[in-house]
């Protein structure tokens, strides 16, 4: 069983951030450590970033705006 936690740190509604999540999930998991996880940081041209983390029970994707913009 897989578990995905989505944390929206923007002012956008969830239905607006789901396409970003879908793109990250579509790209799949990478292996750069013991466990495969989604890309650590995915940046989009419009200033949205998706950060990922993983623990034993779930994946977490955090959506935020680029802090440099």
Protein backbone atom coordinates (compact mmCIF):
# COMPACT_ATOMS: atom_id res chain seq x y z
CA UNK A 1 0.00 0.00 0.00
CA UNK A 2 1.29 3.42 -0.94
CA UNK A 3 0.55 6.63 0.91
CA UNK A 4 1.09 10.16 -0.47
CA UNK A 5 0.79 13.27 1.70
CA UNK A 6 0.29 16.58 -0.12
CA UNK A 7 1.09 19.79 1.74
CA UNK A 8 -0.06 22.92 -0.07
CA UNK A 9 1.92 25.94 1.19
CA UNK A 10 0.57 28.28 -1.50
CA UNK A 11 -2.56 30.36 -1.71
CA UNK A 12 -3.75 28.22 -4.63
CA UNK A 13 -6.72 25.89 -4.33
CA UNK A 14 -5.94 22.18 -4.25
CA UNK A 15 -7.44 21.61 -7.70
CA UNK A 16 -4.89 24.11 -9.09
CA UNK A 17 -1.88 22.37 -7.51
CA UNK A 18 -2.88 18.80 -8.40
CA UNK A 19 -1.53 19.08 -11.98
CA UNK A 20 1.93 19.88 -10.55
CA UNK A 21 1.70 16.84 -8.30
CA UNK A 22 0.58 14.70 -11.23
CA UNK A 23 3.63 15.73 -13.27
CA UNK A 24 6.03 14.84 -10.45
CA UNK A 25 4.33 11.49 -9.85
CA UNK A 26 4.32 10.76 -13.61
CA UNK A 27 8.10 11.22 -13.73
CA UNK A 28 8.35 8.44 -11.17
CA UNK A 29 10.66 7.76 -8.28
CA UNK A 30 14.43 8.04 -8.44
CA UNK A 31 17.04 6.28 -6.40
CA UNK A 32 19.70 8.49 -4.88
CA UNK A 33 19.63 6.99 -1.44
CA UNK A 34 18.50 3.76 0.27
CA UNK A 35 14.86 4.23 -0.71
CA UNK A 36 13.45 5.39 -3.99
CA UNK A 37 11.60 8.68 -3.76
CA UNK A 38 10.28 11.41 -6.01
CA UNK A 39 12.71 14.09 -7.19
CA UNK A 40 13.88 16.21 -4.24
CA UNK A 41 12.94 19.49 -5.95
CA UNK A 42 10.98 20.09 -9.14
CA UNK A 43 10.71 23.72 -10.32
CA UNK A 44 8.16 25.02 -12.79
CA UNK A 45 8.48 28.15 -14.97
CA UNK A 46 5.62 29.91 -13.18
CA UNK A 47 7.49 29.86 -9.86
CA UNK A 48 5.86 26.81 -8.30
CA UNK A 49 8.17 24.26 -6.65
CA UNK A 50 7.40 20.72 -5.52
CA UNK A 51 9.68 19.32 -2.83
CA UNK A 52 9.62 15.67 -1.83
CA UNK A 53 10.46 13.69 1.25
CA UNK A 54 10.03 10.11 2.31
CA UNK A 55 9.75 8.18 5.55
CA UNK A 56 9.05 4.52 6.23
CA UNK A 57 5.29 4.88 5.83
CA UNK A 58 4.70 7.53 3.18
CA UNK A 59 5.89 9.99 0.58
CA UNK A 60 5.32 13.70 1.14
CA UNK A 61 5.08 16.34 -1.58
CA UNK A 62 5.19 20.01 -0.56
CA UNK A 63 3.99 22.66 -2.99
CA UNK A 64 5.28 26.19 -2.53
CA UNK A 65 6.21 29.28 -4.47
CA UNK A 66 9.85 29.86 -5.37
CA UNK A 67 11.26 31.90 -2.50
CA UNK A 68 13.50 33.89 -4.87
CA UNK A 69 10.58 35.36 -6.77
